[in-house]
Amino acid sequence: MMVLSLFEEAFSTESKDIVLDYTEIEKKTGASPIELKRNLQSLACTKHKLLLKTPVSRDIADTDTFKVNMDFIPPKKVFRVPLISVASSLMSANSLENETSIDSESSFVSSSLINSHDLNEEGLTVVPDLQNLEKERMHIIDAAIVRVMKSRKKLDHQKLITETIHMVQNKFLPNKKTIKQRIEKLIDRDFIERSPSNKNVYLYIS
């Protein structure tokens, strides 16, 4: 996680002088606002507060400042920091049509985890669990497709692709190939089906 590298000096020297605001962190990391706020929430708003945020809240604002939590005691040499989820990874087949959200009040700590090493002796090295992140994104795409089809009932392939992208683009931008693969999965799971008269048209299975 690039965010933590900005505080590397504080980790190694136990300096309390390094304070960065959100705008500085965004500029230095080059991360997208959605991913950056998600990661800052994970580091400053969960059980393992590696960073202290001012003011204290679950929302991340452009004027918020961050510094190292010098009072943080690692539970063990190798521990896990929960990564705030962009969608429920516990979404069941019966509730796929429910809208997902990345709002800080409705999001929750999922099984997506990042690995880290002891702060005091080795500095903090973090590797995102990309596999779980990818699974979460598949759930988001599935939910979007089902919601679109539930609303439209009948839709051709290109329009379904376009509306799915529009629905999830505030979270991430999926490619058309991935959406096509998710459509096939939802057909296999009997959420939607191809029209008998036109294989390029999908029907919602109620």
N, C-alpha and C. Protein backbone atom coordinates (compact mmCIF):
# COMPACT_ATOMS: atom_id res chain seq x y z
N MET A 1 0.84 -1.19 0.00
CA MET A 1 0.00 0.00 0.00
C MET A 1 0.87 1.23 0.00
N MET A 2 0.75 2.04 -1.06
CA MET A 2 1.61 3.19 -1.23
C MET A 2 1.42 4.23 -0.14
N VAL A 3 0.23 4.29 0.45
CA VAL A 3 -0.04 5.28 1.49
C VAL A 3 0.96 5.17 2.63
N LEU A 4 1.21 3.94 3.07
CA LEU A 4 2.09 3.74 4.22
C LEU A 4 3.52 4.14 3.93
N SER A 5 3.94 4.03 2.68
CA SER A 5 5.32 4.40 2.35
C SER A 5 5.57 5.88 2.57
N LEU A 6 4.51 6.68 2.54
CA LEU A 6 4.66 8.12 2.77
C LEU A 6 5.00 8.41 4.23
N PHE A 7 4.68 7.46 5.10
CA PHE A 7 4.95 7.65 6.53
C PHE A 7 6.13 6.80 6.99
N GLU A 8 6.92 6.32 6.06
CA GLU A 8 8.02 5.40 6.38
C GLU A 8 8.99 5.99 7.41
N GLU A 9 9.30 7.27 7.27
CA GLU A 9 10.23 7.91 8.20
C GLU A 9 9.68 7.90 9.62
N ALA A 10 8.39 8.12 9.75
CA ALA A 10 7.77 8.12 11.08
C ALA A 10 7.84 6.73 11.70
N PHE A 11 7.63 5.68 10.88
CA PHE A 11 7.70 4.32 11.39
C PHE A 11 9.10 3.99 11.91
N SER A 12 10.12 4.46 11.20
CA SER A 12 11.50 4.09 11.54
C SER A 12 12.10 4.94 12.64
N THR A 13 11.63 6.17 12.79
CA THR A 13 12.23 7.08 13.78
C THR A 13 11.29 7.41 14.92
N GLU A 14 10.04 6.92 14.82
CA GLU A 14 9.00 7.23 15.80
C GLU A 14 8.77 8.74 15.90
N SER A 15 8.92 9.41 14.76
CA SER A 15 8.68 10.85 14.71
C SER A 15 7.19 11.13 14.66
N LYS A 16 6.76 12.10 15.42
CA LYS A 16 5.35 12.46 15.44
C LYS A 16 5.08 13.69 14.57
N ASP A 17 6.10 14.13 13.85
CA ASP A 17 5.99 15.38 13.10
C ASP A 17 5.39 15.22 11.72
N ILE A 18 5.34 14.00 11.21
CA ILE A 18 4.84 13.79 9.85
C ILE A 18 3.32 13.76 9.84
N VAL A 19 2.74 14.82 9.31
CA VAL A 19 1.29 14.93 9.18
C VAL A 19 0.99 15.28 7.72
N LEU A 20 0.16 14.47 7.09
CA LEU A 20 -0.20 14.69 5.69
C LEU A 20 -1.71 14.85 5.56
N ASP A 21 -2.14 15.76 4.72
CA ASP A 21 -3.58 15.86 4.49
C ASP A 21 -3.96 15.01 3.28
N TYR A 22 -5.25 14.84 3.11
CA TYR A 22 -5.75 13.95 2.05
C TYR A 22 -5.25 14.36 0.68
N THR A 23 -5.28 15.67 0.42
CA THR A 23 -4.87 16.16 -0.90
C THR A 23 -3.41 15.82 -1.19
N GLU A 24 -2.55 15.95 -0.19
CA GLU A 24 -1.14 15.60 -0.37
C GLU A 24 -0.97 14.12 -0.68
N ILE A 25 -1.68 13.29 0.07
CA ILE A 25 -1.59 11.84 -0.12
C ILE A 25 -2.08 11.45 -1.51
N GLU A 26 -3.19 12.06 -1.93
CA GLU A 26 -3.75 11.76 -3.26
C GLU A 26 -2.75 12.14 -4.35
N LYS A 27 -2.11 13.29 -4.20
CA LYS A 27 -1.16 13.76 -5.20
C LYS A 27 0.07 12.86 -5.27
N LYS A 28 0.57 12.45 -4.10
CA LYS A 28 1.81 11.66 -4.06
C LYS A 28 1.61 10.21 -4.48
N THR A 29 0.44 9.66 -4.20
CA THR A 29 0.19 8.26 -4.55
C THR A 29 -0.36 8.11 -5.97
N GLY A 30 -1.09 9.12 -6.43
CA GLY A 30 -1.70 9.02 -7.75
C GLY A 30 -2.88 8.06 -7.78
N ALA A 31 -3.36 7.66 -6.61
CA ALA A 31 -4.47 6.71 -6.53
C ALA A 31 -5.80 7.39 -6.86
N SER A 32 -6.77 6.60 -7.32
CA SER A 32 -8.09 7.15 -7.60
C SER A 32 -8.76 7.49 -6.27
N PRO A 33 -9.64 8.49 -6.24
CA PRO A 33 -10.30 8.89 -4.99
C PRO A 33 -11.01 7.74 -4.29
N ILE A 34 -11.68 6.88 -5.06
CA ILE A 34 -12.42 5.77 -4.45
C ILE A 34 -11.48 4.81 -3.74
N GLU A 35 -10.42 4.38 -4.43
CA GLU A 35 -9.48 3.43 -3.84
C GLU A 35 -8.70 4.05 -2.69
N LEU A 36 -8.32 5.33 -2.84
CA LEU A 36 -7.54 5.99 -1.79
C LEU A 36 -8.36 6.14 -0.52
N LYS A 37 -9.60 6.59 -0.65
CA LYS A 37 -10.45 6.75 0.54
C LYS A 37 -10.73 5.40 1.18
N ARG A 38 -10.90 4.39 0.36
CA ARG A 38 -11.13 3.04 0.88
C ARG A 38 -9.94 2.56 1.71
N ASN A 39 -8.73 2.82 1.20
CA ASN A 39 -7.52 2.40 1.92
C ASN A 39 -7.27 3.23 3.17
N LEU A 40 -7.56 4.53 3.10
CA LEU A 40 -7.39 5.38 4.28
C LEU A 40 -8.38 4.99 5.37
N GLN A 41 -9.60 4.64 4.98
CA GLN A 41 -10.57 4.15 5.96
C GLN A 41 -10.07 2.88 6.63
N SER A 42 -9.45 2.01 5.85
CA SER A 42 -8.93 0.76 6.40
C SER A 42 -7.81 1.01 7.41
N LEU A 43 -7.01 2.03 7.16
CA LEU A 43 -5.86 2.31 8.02
C LEU A 43 -6.19 3.20 9.21
N ALA A 44 -7.29 3.97 9.10
CA ALA A 44 -7.57 4.95 10.16
C ALA A 44 -8.94 4.79 10.82
N CYS A 45 -9.81 3.95 10.26
CA CYS A 45 -11.18 3.89 10.76
C CYS A 45 -11.62 2.49 11.18
N THR A 46 -10.69 1.55 11.28
CA THR A 46 -11.04 0.20 11.69
C THR A 46 -10.36 -0.14 13.01
N LYS A 47 -10.43 -1.37 13.41
CA LYS A 47 -9.86 -1.80 14.69
C LYS A 47 -8.37 -1.52 14.77
N HIS A 48 -7.64 -1.82 13.69
CA HIS A 48 -6.19 -1.60 13.66
C HIS A 48 -5.91 -0.21 13.10
N LYS A 49 -5.90 0.79 13.97
CA LYS A 49 -5.68 2.16 13.52
C LYS A 49 -4.18 2.45 13.41
N LEU A 50 -3.62 2.15 12.26
CA LEU A 50 -2.21 2.44 12.03
C LEU A 50 -1.98 3.93 11.85
N LEU A 51 -3.01 4.62 11.36
CA LEU A 51 -2.96 6.06 11.20
C LEU A 51 -4.06 6.71 12.03
N LEU A 52 -3.80 7.92 12.50
CA LEU A 52 -4.80 8.70 13.22
C LEU A 52 -5.31 9.79 12.29
N LYS A 53 -6.63 9.92 12.23
CA LYS A 53 -7.25 10.89 11.33
C LYS A 53 -7.87 12.03 12.11
N THR A 54 -7.71 13.24 11.60
CA THR A 54 -8.33 14.42 12.18
C THR A 54 -9.14 15.14 11.09
N PRO A 55 -10.45 15.38 11.38
CA PRO A 55 -11.20 15.01 12.57
C PRO A 55 -11.56 13.53 12.57
N VAL A 56 -11.93 13.02 13.73
CA VAL A 56 -12.29 11.61 13.86
C VAL A 56 -13.68 11.39 13.27
N SER A 57 -13.76 10.56 12.24
CA SER A 57 -15.03 10.19 11.61
C SER A 57 -14.76 9.06 10.64
N ARG A 58 -15.82 8.44 10.14
CA ARG A 58 -15.65 7.35 9.17
C ARG A 58 -15.55 7.88 7.74
N ASP A 59 -15.95 9.13 7.54
CA ASP A 59 -15.86 9.73 6.21
C ASP A 59 -14.48 10.32 6.00
N ILE A 60 -14.03 10.30 4.75
CA ILE A 60 -12.73 10.89 4.40
C ILE A 60 -12.99 12.14 3.57
N ALA A 61 -12.54 13.30 4.09
CA ALA A 61 -12.70 14.57 3.38
C ALA A 61 -11.36 15.07 2.87
N ASP A 62 -11.40 15.97 1.90
CA ASP A 62 -10.16 16.50 1.32
C ASP A 62 -9.31 17.25 2.33
N THR A 63 -9.95 17.75 3.38
CA THR A 63 -9.22 18.54 4.38
C THR A 63 -8.73 17.70 5.57
N ASP A 64 -9.06 16.42 5.59
CA ASP A 64 -8.62 15.55 6.70
C ASP A 64 -7.10 15.42 6.71
N THR A 65 -6.54 15.28 7.91
CA THR A 65 -5.10 15.07 8.05
C THR A 65 -4.84 13.72 8.70
N PHE A 66 -3.67 13.16 8.42
CA PHE A 66 -3.32 11.83 8.90
C PHE A 66 -1.90 11.83 9.46
N LYS A 67 -1.71 11.06 10.52
CA LYS A 67 -0.37 10.87 11.08
C LYS A 67 -0.28 9.47 11.65
N VAL A 68 0.94 9.02 11.92
CA VAL A 68 1.15 7.68 12.45
C VAL A 68 0.63 7.58 13.88
N ASN A 69 -0.04 6.48 14.17
CA ASN A 69 -0.50 6.20 15.53
C ASN A 69 0.64 5.55 16.30
N MET A 70 1.39 6.35 17.05
CA MET A 70 2.55 5.85 17.77
C MET A 70 2.17 4.95 18.95
N ASP A 71 0.91 4.97 19.33
CA ASP A 71 0.46 4.12 20.44
C ASP A 71 -0.03 2.76 19.96
N PHE A 72 -0.03 2.57 18.65
CA PHE A 72 -0.51 1.29 18.12
C PHE A 72 0.46 0.17 18.47
N ILE A 73 -0.09 -0.92 18.99
CA ILE A 73 0.71 -2.10 19.34
C ILE A 73 0.27 -3.26 18.46
N PRO A 74 1.13 -3.74 17.57
CA PRO A 74 0.76 -4.87 16.71
C PRO A 74 0.37 -6.08 17.54
N PRO A 75 -0.73 -6.74 17.23
CA PRO A 75 -1.15 -7.92 17.99
C PRO A 75 -0.15 -9.06 17.90
N LYS A 76 0.59 -9.12 16.81
CA LYS A 76 1.64 -10.12 16.62
C LYS A 76 2.52 -9.66 15.47
N LYS A 77 3.60 -10.36 15.24
CA LYS A 77 4.57 -9.92 14.24
C LYS A 77 3.97 -9.84 12.85
N VAL A 78 3.14 -10.81 12.52
CA VAL A 78 2.41 -10.78 11.25
C VAL A 78 0.94 -10.72 11.59
N PHE A 79 0.26 -9.67 11.16
CA PHE A 79 -1.15 -9.53 11.48
C PHE A 79 -1.90 -9.04 10.25
N ARG A 80 -3.21 -8.99 10.37
CA ARG A 80 -4.05 -8.62 9.23
C ARG A 80 -4.78 -7.31 9.49
N VAL A 81 -4.85 -6.50 8.47
CA VAL A 81 -5.60 -5.26 8.54
C VAL A 81 -6.79 -5.38 7.59
N PRO A 82 -8.02 -5.24 8.08
CA PRO A 82 -9.18 -5.40 7.19
C PRO A 82 -9.24 -4.29 6.15
N LEU A 83 -9.55 -4.67 4.92
CA LEU A 83 -9.70 -3.70 3.84
C LEU A 83 -11.19 -3.44 3.64
N ILE A 84 -11.60 -2.18 3.78
CA ILE A 84 -13.00 -1.84 3.67
C ILE A 84 -13.55 -2.33 2.33
N SER A 85 -14.69 -3.00 2.37
CA SER A 85 -15.25 -3.61 1.17
C SER A 85 -16.05 -2.62 0.34
N VAL A 86 -15.97 -2.76 -0.98
CA VAL A 86 -16.81 -1.93 -1.85
C VAL A 86 -18.16 -2.59 -2.08
N ALA A 87 -18.31 -3.78 -1.65
CA ALA A 87 -19.59 -4.47 -1.81
C ALA A 87 -19.62 -5.69 -0.91
N SER A 88 -20.80 -6.13 -0.62
CA SER A 88 -20.92 -7.29 0.23
C SER A 88 -20.46 -8.55 -0.48
N SER A 89 -19.40 -9.18 0.08
CA SER A 89 -18.93 -10.43 -0.51
C SER A 89 -19.77 -11.61 -0.02
N LEU A 90 -20.74 -11.30 0.81
CA LEU A 90 -21.63 -12.34 1.31
C LEU A 90 -22.97 -12.34 0.57
N MET A 91 -23.00 -11.66 -0.58
CA MET A 91 -24.23 -11.56 -1.33
C MET A 91 -24.72 -12.94 -1.76
N SER A 92 -25.94 -13.28 -1.42
CA SER A 92 -26.46 -14.60 -1.75
C SER A 92 -27.13 -14.59 -3.12
N ALA A 93 -27.35 -15.77 -3.65
CA ALA A 93 -27.98 -15.87 -4.97
C ALA A 93 -29.38 -15.28 -4.95
N ASN A 94 -30.06 -15.33 -3.78
CA ASN A 94 -31.42 -14.83 -3.68
C ASN A 94 -31.49 -13.33 -3.50
N SER A 95 -30.36 -12.68 -3.23
CA SER A 95 -30.40 -11.24 -2.99
C SER A 95 -29.43 -10.49 -3.88
N LEU A 96 -29.08 -11.07 -5.01
CA LEU A 96 -28.13 -10.44 -5.93
C LEU A 96 -28.64 -9.10 -6.44
N GLU A 97 -29.95 -8.94 -6.51
CA GLU A 97 -30.47 -7.72 -7.07
C GLU A 97 -30.37 -6.54 -6.12
N ASN A 98 -30.02 -6.78 -4.84
CA ASN A 98 -29.90 -5.68 -3.89
C ASN A 98 -28.76 -4.77 -4.28
N GLU A 99 -28.98 -3.49 -4.13
CA GLU A 99 -27.97 -2.51 -4.54
C GLU A 99 -26.77 -2.57 -3.61
N THR A 100 -25.57 -2.49 -4.16
CA THR A 100 -24.36 -2.45 -3.36
C THR A 100 -23.92 -1.02 -3.22
N SER A 101 -23.10 -0.75 -2.22
CA SER A 101 -22.69 0.62 -1.95
C SER A 101 -21.31 0.65 -1.36
N ILE A 102 -20.59 1.76 -1.58
CA ILE A 102 -19.29 1.93 -0.95
C ILE A 102 -19.37 3.03 0.08
N ASP A 103 -20.59 3.49 0.38
CA ASP A 103 -20.75 4.51 1.40
C ASP A 103 -20.18 4.00 2.71
N SER A 104 -19.45 4.86 3.43
CA SER A 104 -18.73 4.41 4.61
C SER A 104 -19.66 3.93 5.71
N GLU A 105 -20.91 4.40 5.72
CA GLU A 105 -21.82 3.98 6.76
C GLU A 105 -22.42 2.60 6.47
N SER A 106 -22.51 2.23 5.20
CA SER A 106 -23.15 0.96 4.87
C SER A 106 -22.16 -0.11 4.45
N SER A 107 -20.94 0.29 4.16
CA SER A 107 -19.94 -0.71 3.82
C SER A 107 -19.48 -1.42 5.08
N PHE A 108 -18.82 -2.56 4.91
CA PHE A 108 -18.42 -3.32 6.08
C PHE A 108 -17.05 -3.92 5.85
N VAL A 109 -16.47 -4.46 6.90
CA VAL A 109 -15.17 -5.10 6.78
C VAL A 109 -15.38 -6.50 6.21
N SER A 110 -14.83 -6.75 5.03
CA SER A 110 -15.01 -8.04 4.38
C SER A 110 -13.83 -8.94 4.66
N SER A 111 -13.81 -10.07 3.97
CA SER A 111 -12.71 -11.00 4.15
C SER A 111 -11.49 -10.60 3.34
N SER A 112 -11.59 -9.51 2.58
CA SER A 112 -10.41 -9.02 1.87
C SER A 112 -9.41 -8.49 2.89
N LEU A 113 -8.22 -9.02 2.89
CA LEU A 113 -7.23 -8.66 3.89
C LEU A 113 -5.91 -8.29 3.25
N ILE A 114 -5.13 -7.51 3.99
CA ILE A 114 -3.79 -7.19 3.54
C ILE A 114 -2.81 -7.65 4.59
N ASN A 115 -1.65 -8.12 4.15
CA ASN A 115 -0.64 -8.64 5.05
C ASN A 115 0.35 -7.55 5.42
N SER A 116 0.84 -7.57 6.65
CA SER A 116 1.81 -6.57 7.06
C SER A 116 2.80 -7.18 8.02
N HIS A 117 3.94 -6.48 8.21
CA HIS A 117 4.97 -6.91 9.14
C HIS A 117 5.05 -5.94 10.30
N ASP A 118 5.82 -6.30 11.31
CA ASP A 118 5.95 -5.51 12.52
C ASP A 118 6.35 -4.07 12.22
N LEU A 119 5.65 -3.12 12.84
CA LEU A 119 5.90 -1.71 12.57
C LEU A 119 7.25 -1.25 13.12
N ASN A 120 7.56 -1.61 14.35
CA ASN A 120 8.69 -1.01 15.04
C ASN A 120 10.04 -1.45 14.49
N GLU A 121 10.17 -2.71 14.07
CA GLU A 121 11.47 -3.24 13.69
C GLU A 121 11.72 -3.24 12.18
N GLU A 122 10.70 -3.51 11.41
CA GLU A 122 10.93 -3.72 9.99
C GLU A 122 10.20 -2.72 9.08
N GLY A 123 9.49 -1.78 9.69
CA GLY A 123 8.65 -0.94 8.86
C GLY A 123 7.43 -1.74 8.42
N LEU A 124 6.54 -1.13 7.70
CA LEU A 124 5.29 -1.80 7.34
C LEU A 124 5.25 -2.08 5.85
N THR A 125 5.16 -3.34 5.49
CA THR A 125 5.05 -3.74 4.09
C THR A 125 3.67 -4.34 3.88
N VAL A 126 2.94 -3.84 2.92
CA VAL A 126 1.56 -4.27 2.73
C VAL A 126 1.35 -4.77 1.31
N VAL A 127 0.69 -5.92 1.18
CA VAL A 127 0.38 -6.48 -0.13
C VAL A 127 -1.13 -6.72 -0.20
N PRO A 128 -1.86 -6.03 -1.06
CA PRO A 128 -3.31 -6.21 -1.14
C PRO A 128 -3.67 -7.62 -1.58
N ASP A 129 -4.78 -8.10 -1.09
CA ASP A 129 -5.30 -9.39 -1.52
C ASP A 129 -6.11 -9.16 -2.79
N LEU A 130 -5.44 -9.17 -3.93
CA LEU A 130 -6.07 -8.84 -5.19
C LEU A 130 -7.12 -9.87 -5.61
N GLN A 131 -6.93 -11.11 -5.18
CA GLN A 131 -7.88 -12.16 -5.54
C GLN A 131 -9.25 -11.87 -4.93
N ASN A 132 -9.27 -11.49 -3.66
CA ASN A 132 -10.54 -11.19 -3.02
C ASN A 132 -11.15 -9.90 -3.56
N LEU A 133 -10.29 -8.94 -3.91
CA LEU A 133 -10.79 -7.70 -4.51
C LEU A 133 -11.48 -8.00 -5.83
N GLU A 134 -10.89 -8.88 -6.61
CA GLU A 134 -11.48 -9.26 -7.90
C GLU A 134 -12.83 -9.95 -7.69
N LYS A 135 -12.91 -10.80 -6.67
CA LYS A 135 -14.17 -11.48 -6.37
C LYS A 135 -15.25 -10.48 -6.01
N GLU A 136 -14.89 -9.47 -5.22
CA GLU A 136 -15.85 -8.45 -4.83
C GLU A 136 -16.38 -7.71 -6.06
N ARG A 137 -15.47 -7.42 -6.98
CA ARG A 137 -15.88 -6.71 -8.19
C ARG A 137 -16.80 -7.57 -9.05
N MET A 138 -16.59 -8.87 -9.06
CA MET A 138 -17.48 -9.75 -9.79
C MET A 138 -18.88 -9.72 -9.17
N HIS A 139 -18.94 -9.68 -7.84
CA HIS A 139 -20.24 -9.58 -7.16
C HIS A 139 -20.94 -8.28 -7.54
N ILE A 140 -20.18 -7.19 -7.62
CA ILE A 140 -20.76 -5.89 -7.98
C ILE A 140 -21.33 -5.94 -9.39
N ILE A 141 -20.58 -6.51 -10.33
CA ILE A 141 -21.04 -6.62 -11.71
C ILE A 141 -22.29 -7.49 -11.79
N ASP A 142 -22.26 -8.63 -11.09
CA ASP A 142 -23.43 -9.52 -11.07
C ASP A 142 -24.67 -8.78 -10.58
N ALA A 143 -24.51 -8.05 -9.47
CA ALA A 143 -25.63 -7.33 -8.88
C ALA A 143 -26.16 -6.27 -9.84
N ALA A 144 -25.25 -5.59 -10.53
CA ALA A 144 -25.66 -4.56 -11.48
C ALA A 144 -26.44 -5.16 -12.65
N ILE A 145 -25.94 -6.26 -13.19
CA ILE A 145 -26.62 -6.91 -14.32
C ILE A 145 -28.03 -7.33 -13.92
N VAL A 146 -28.15 -7.95 -12.76
CA VAL A 146 -29.46 -8.42 -12.30
C VAL A 146 -30.41 -7.25 -12.06
N ARG A 147 -29.91 -6.17 -11.49
CA ARG A 147 -30.76 -5.00 -11.25
C ARG A 147 -31.24 -4.39 -12.56
N VAL A 148 -30.34 -4.29 -13.53
CA VAL A 148 -30.73 -3.76 -14.84
C VAL A 148 -31.79 -4.64 -15.48
N MET A 149 -31.57 -5.94 -15.47
CA MET A 149 -32.51 -6.86 -16.11
C MET A 149 -33.84 -6.93 -15.36
N LYS A 150 -33.79 -6.82 -14.06
CA LYS A 150 -35.03 -6.83 -13.28
C LYS A 150 -35.89 -5.62 -13.63
N SER A 151 -35.22 -4.51 -13.90
CA SER A 151 -35.93 -3.28 -14.25
C SER A 151 -36.41 -3.30 -15.70
N ARG A 152 -35.55 -3.77 -16.59
CA ARG A 152 -35.87 -3.73 -18.03
C ARG A 152 -36.65 -4.94 -18.52
N LYS A 153 -36.47 -6.06 -17.86
CA LYS A 153 -37.11 -7.33 -18.24
C LYS A 153 -36.55 -7.93 -19.54
N LYS A 154 -36.32 -7.09 -20.53
CA LYS A 154 -35.81 -7.56 -21.83
C LYS A 154 -34.83 -6.53 -22.38
N LEU A 155 -33.64 -7.00 -22.77
CA LEU A 155 -32.62 -6.05 -23.20
C LEU A 155 -31.63 -6.74 -24.14
N ASP A 156 -31.17 -6.00 -25.16
CA ASP A 156 -30.18 -6.60 -26.04
C ASP A 156 -28.79 -6.51 -25.42
N HIS A 157 -27.87 -7.25 -25.98
CA HIS A 157 -26.54 -7.41 -25.39
C HIS A 157 -25.81 -6.08 -25.19
N GLN A 158 -25.77 -5.26 -26.22
CA GLN A 158 -25.01 -4.01 -26.14
C GLN A 158 -25.60 -3.06 -25.11
N LYS A 159 -26.92 -2.98 -25.05
CA LYS A 159 -27.56 -2.09 -24.07
C LYS A 159 -27.32 -2.58 -22.65
N LEU A 160 -27.31 -3.88 -22.46
CA LEU A 160 -27.04 -4.43 -21.13
C LEU A 160 -25.61 -4.11 -20.71
N ILE A 161 -24.68 -4.23 -21.64
CA ILE A 161 -23.28 -3.88 -21.35
C ILE A 161 -23.18 -2.42 -20.95
N THR A 162 -23.80 -1.54 -21.75
CA THR A 162 -23.73 -0.10 -21.50
C THR A 162 -24.34 0.28 -20.16
N GLU A 163 -25.51 -0.26 -19.84
CA GLU A 163 -26.17 0.10 -18.59
C GLU A 163 -25.44 -0.48 -17.38
N THR A 164 -24.83 -1.63 -17.54
CA THR A 164 -24.05 -2.21 -16.45
C THR A 164 -22.84 -1.33 -16.14
N ILE A 165 -22.13 -0.91 -17.17
CA ILE A 165 -20.98 -0.03 -16.98
C ILE A 165 -21.40 1.26 -16.30
N HIS A 166 -22.51 1.83 -16.75
CA HIS A 166 -23.01 3.07 -16.16
C HIS A 166 -23.33 2.90 -14.67
N MET A 167 -23.85 1.74 -14.30
CA MET A 167 -24.25 1.52 -12.91
C MET A 167 -23.06 1.36 -11.97
N VAL A 168 -21.95 0.81 -12.45
CA VAL A 168 -20.82 0.53 -11.56
C VAL A 168 -19.64 1.48 -11.74
N GLN A 169 -19.71 2.39 -12.69
CA GLN A 169 -18.54 3.20 -13.03
C GLN A 169 -18.10 4.14 -11.90
N ASN A 170 -18.97 4.42 -10.94
CA ASN A 170 -18.54 5.24 -9.80
C ASN A 170 -17.70 4.45 -8.81
N LYS A 171 -17.65 3.12 -8.99
CA LYS A 171 -16.84 2.27 -8.12
C LYS A 171 -15.56 1.83 -8.84
N PHE A 172 -15.71 1.35 -10.06
CA PHE A 172 -14.58 0.95 -10.90
C PHE A 172 -15.10 0.81 -12.33
N LEU A 173 -14.21 0.68 -13.30
CA LEU A 173 -14.62 0.59 -14.69
C LEU A 173 -14.33 -0.81 -15.24
N PRO A 174 -15.36 -1.65 -15.34
CA PRO A 174 -15.14 -3.01 -15.85
C PRO A 174 -15.00 -3.01 -17.37
N ASN A 175 -14.32 -4.02 -17.91
CA ASN A 175 -14.24 -4.11 -19.37
C ASN A 175 -15.40 -4.97 -19.89
N LYS A 176 -15.67 -4.83 -21.17
CA LYS A 176 -16.81 -5.51 -21.77
C LYS A 176 -16.67 -7.03 -21.73
N LYS A 177 -15.44 -7.51 -21.87
CA LYS A 177 -15.21 -8.95 -21.84
C LYS A 177 -15.62 -9.54 -20.49
N THR A 178 -15.26 -8.84 -19.41
CA THR A 178 -15.61 -9.31 -18.07
C THR A 178 -17.12 -9.33 -17.88
N ILE A 179 -17.80 -8.28 -18.34
CA ILE A 179 -19.26 -8.23 -18.21
C ILE A 179 -19.90 -9.37 -18.99
N LYS A 180 -19.39 -9.64 -20.18
CA LYS A 180 -19.93 -10.74 -20.99
C LYS A 180 -19.78 -12.07 -20.24
N GLN A 181 -18.62 -12.27 -19.59
CA GLN A 181 -18.40 -13.49 -18.81
C GLN A 181 -19.38 -13.60 -17.65
N ARG A 182 -19.67 -12.46 -17.00
CA ARG A 182 -20.61 -12.48 -15.87
C ARG A 182 -22.03 -12.74 -16.37
N ILE A 183 -22.35 -12.24 -17.54
CA ILE A 183 -23.67 -12.52 -18.12
C ILE A 183 -23.84 -14.03 -18.32
N GLU A 184 -22.81 -14.66 -18.85
CA GLU A 184 -22.85 -16.12 -19.06
C GLU A 184 -23.04 -16.85 -17.74
N LYS A 185 -22.36 -16.39 -16.69
CA LYS A 185 -22.49 -17.02 -15.38
C LYS A 185 -23.91 -16.88 -14.85
N LEU A 186 -24.50 -15.71 -15.05
CA LEU A 186 -25.86 -15.49 -14.56
C LEU A 186 -26.89 -16.29 -15.37
N ILE A 187 -26.59 -16.55 -16.63
CA ILE A 187 -27.44 -17.43 -17.43
C ILE A 187 -27.36 -18.85 -16.87
N ASP A 188 -26.16 -19.29 -16.54
CA ASP A 188 -25.97 -20.63 -15.96
C ASP A 188 -26.69 -20.76 -14.62
N ARG A 189 -26.80 -19.65 -13.90
CA ARG A 189 -27.44 -19.66 -12.58
C ARG A 189 -28.92 -19.32 -12.64
N ASP A 190 -29.45 -19.20 -13.85
CA ASP A 190 -30.89 -18.99 -14.07
C ASP A 190 -31.41 -17.65 -13.55
N PHE A 191 -30.58 -16.62 -13.61
CA PHE A 191 -31.05 -15.27 -13.30
C PHE A 191 -31.62 -14.61 -14.55
N ILE A 192 -30.98 -14.89 -15.69
CA ILE A 192 -31.44 -14.38 -16.97
C ILE A 192 -31.33 -15.50 -18.00
N GLU A 193 -31.96 -15.27 -19.16
CA GLU A 193 -31.89 -16.26 -20.24
C GLU A 193 -31.88 -15.55 -21.58
N ARG A 194 -31.44 -16.24 -22.61
CA ARG A 194 -31.47 -15.68 -23.96
C ARG A 194 -32.88 -15.83 -24.54
N SER A 195 -33.25 -14.86 -25.33
CA SER A 195 -34.55 -14.94 -26.00
C SER A 195 -34.52 -16.06 -27.04
N PRO A 196 -35.54 -16.91 -27.08
CA PRO A 196 -35.58 -18.00 -28.07
C PRO A 196 -35.54 -17.49 -29.50
N SER A 197 -36.06 -16.28 -29.72
CA SER A 197 -36.13 -15.73 -31.07
C SER A 197 -34.90 -14.91 -31.47
N ASN A 198 -34.10 -14.51 -30.47
CA ASN A 198 -32.91 -13.69 -30.75
C ASN A 198 -31.87 -13.94 -29.67
N LYS A 199 -30.81 -14.62 -30.01
CA LYS A 199 -29.78 -14.98 -29.03
C LYS A 199 -29.01 -13.77 -28.50
N ASN A 200 -29.20 -12.62 -29.16
CA ASN A 200 -28.51 -11.40 -28.72
C ASN A 200 -29.35 -10.59 -27.74
N VAL A 201 -30.50 -11.14 -27.39
CA VAL A 201 -31.41 -10.47 -26.46
C VAL A 201 -31.56 -11.32 -25.21
N TYR A 202 -31.54 -10.66 -24.05
CA TYR A 202 -31.65 -11.36 -22.77
C TYR A 202 -32.99 -11.07 -22.11
N LEU A 203 -33.50 -12.06 -21.41
CA LEU A 203 -34.76 -11.94 -20.68
C LEU A 203 -34.50 -12.17 -19.20
N TYR A 204 -35.19 -11.40 -18.37
CA TYR A 204 -35.06 -11.58 -16.92
C TYR A 204 -35.95 -12.72 -16.47
N ILE A 205 -35.41 -13.60 -15.65
CA ILE A 205 -36.19 -14.72 -15.10
C ILE A 205 -36.70 -14.32 -13.73
N SER A 206 -38.00 -14.11 -13.62
CA SER A 206 -38.58 -13.66 -12.35
C SER A 206 -38.86 -14.84 -11.42
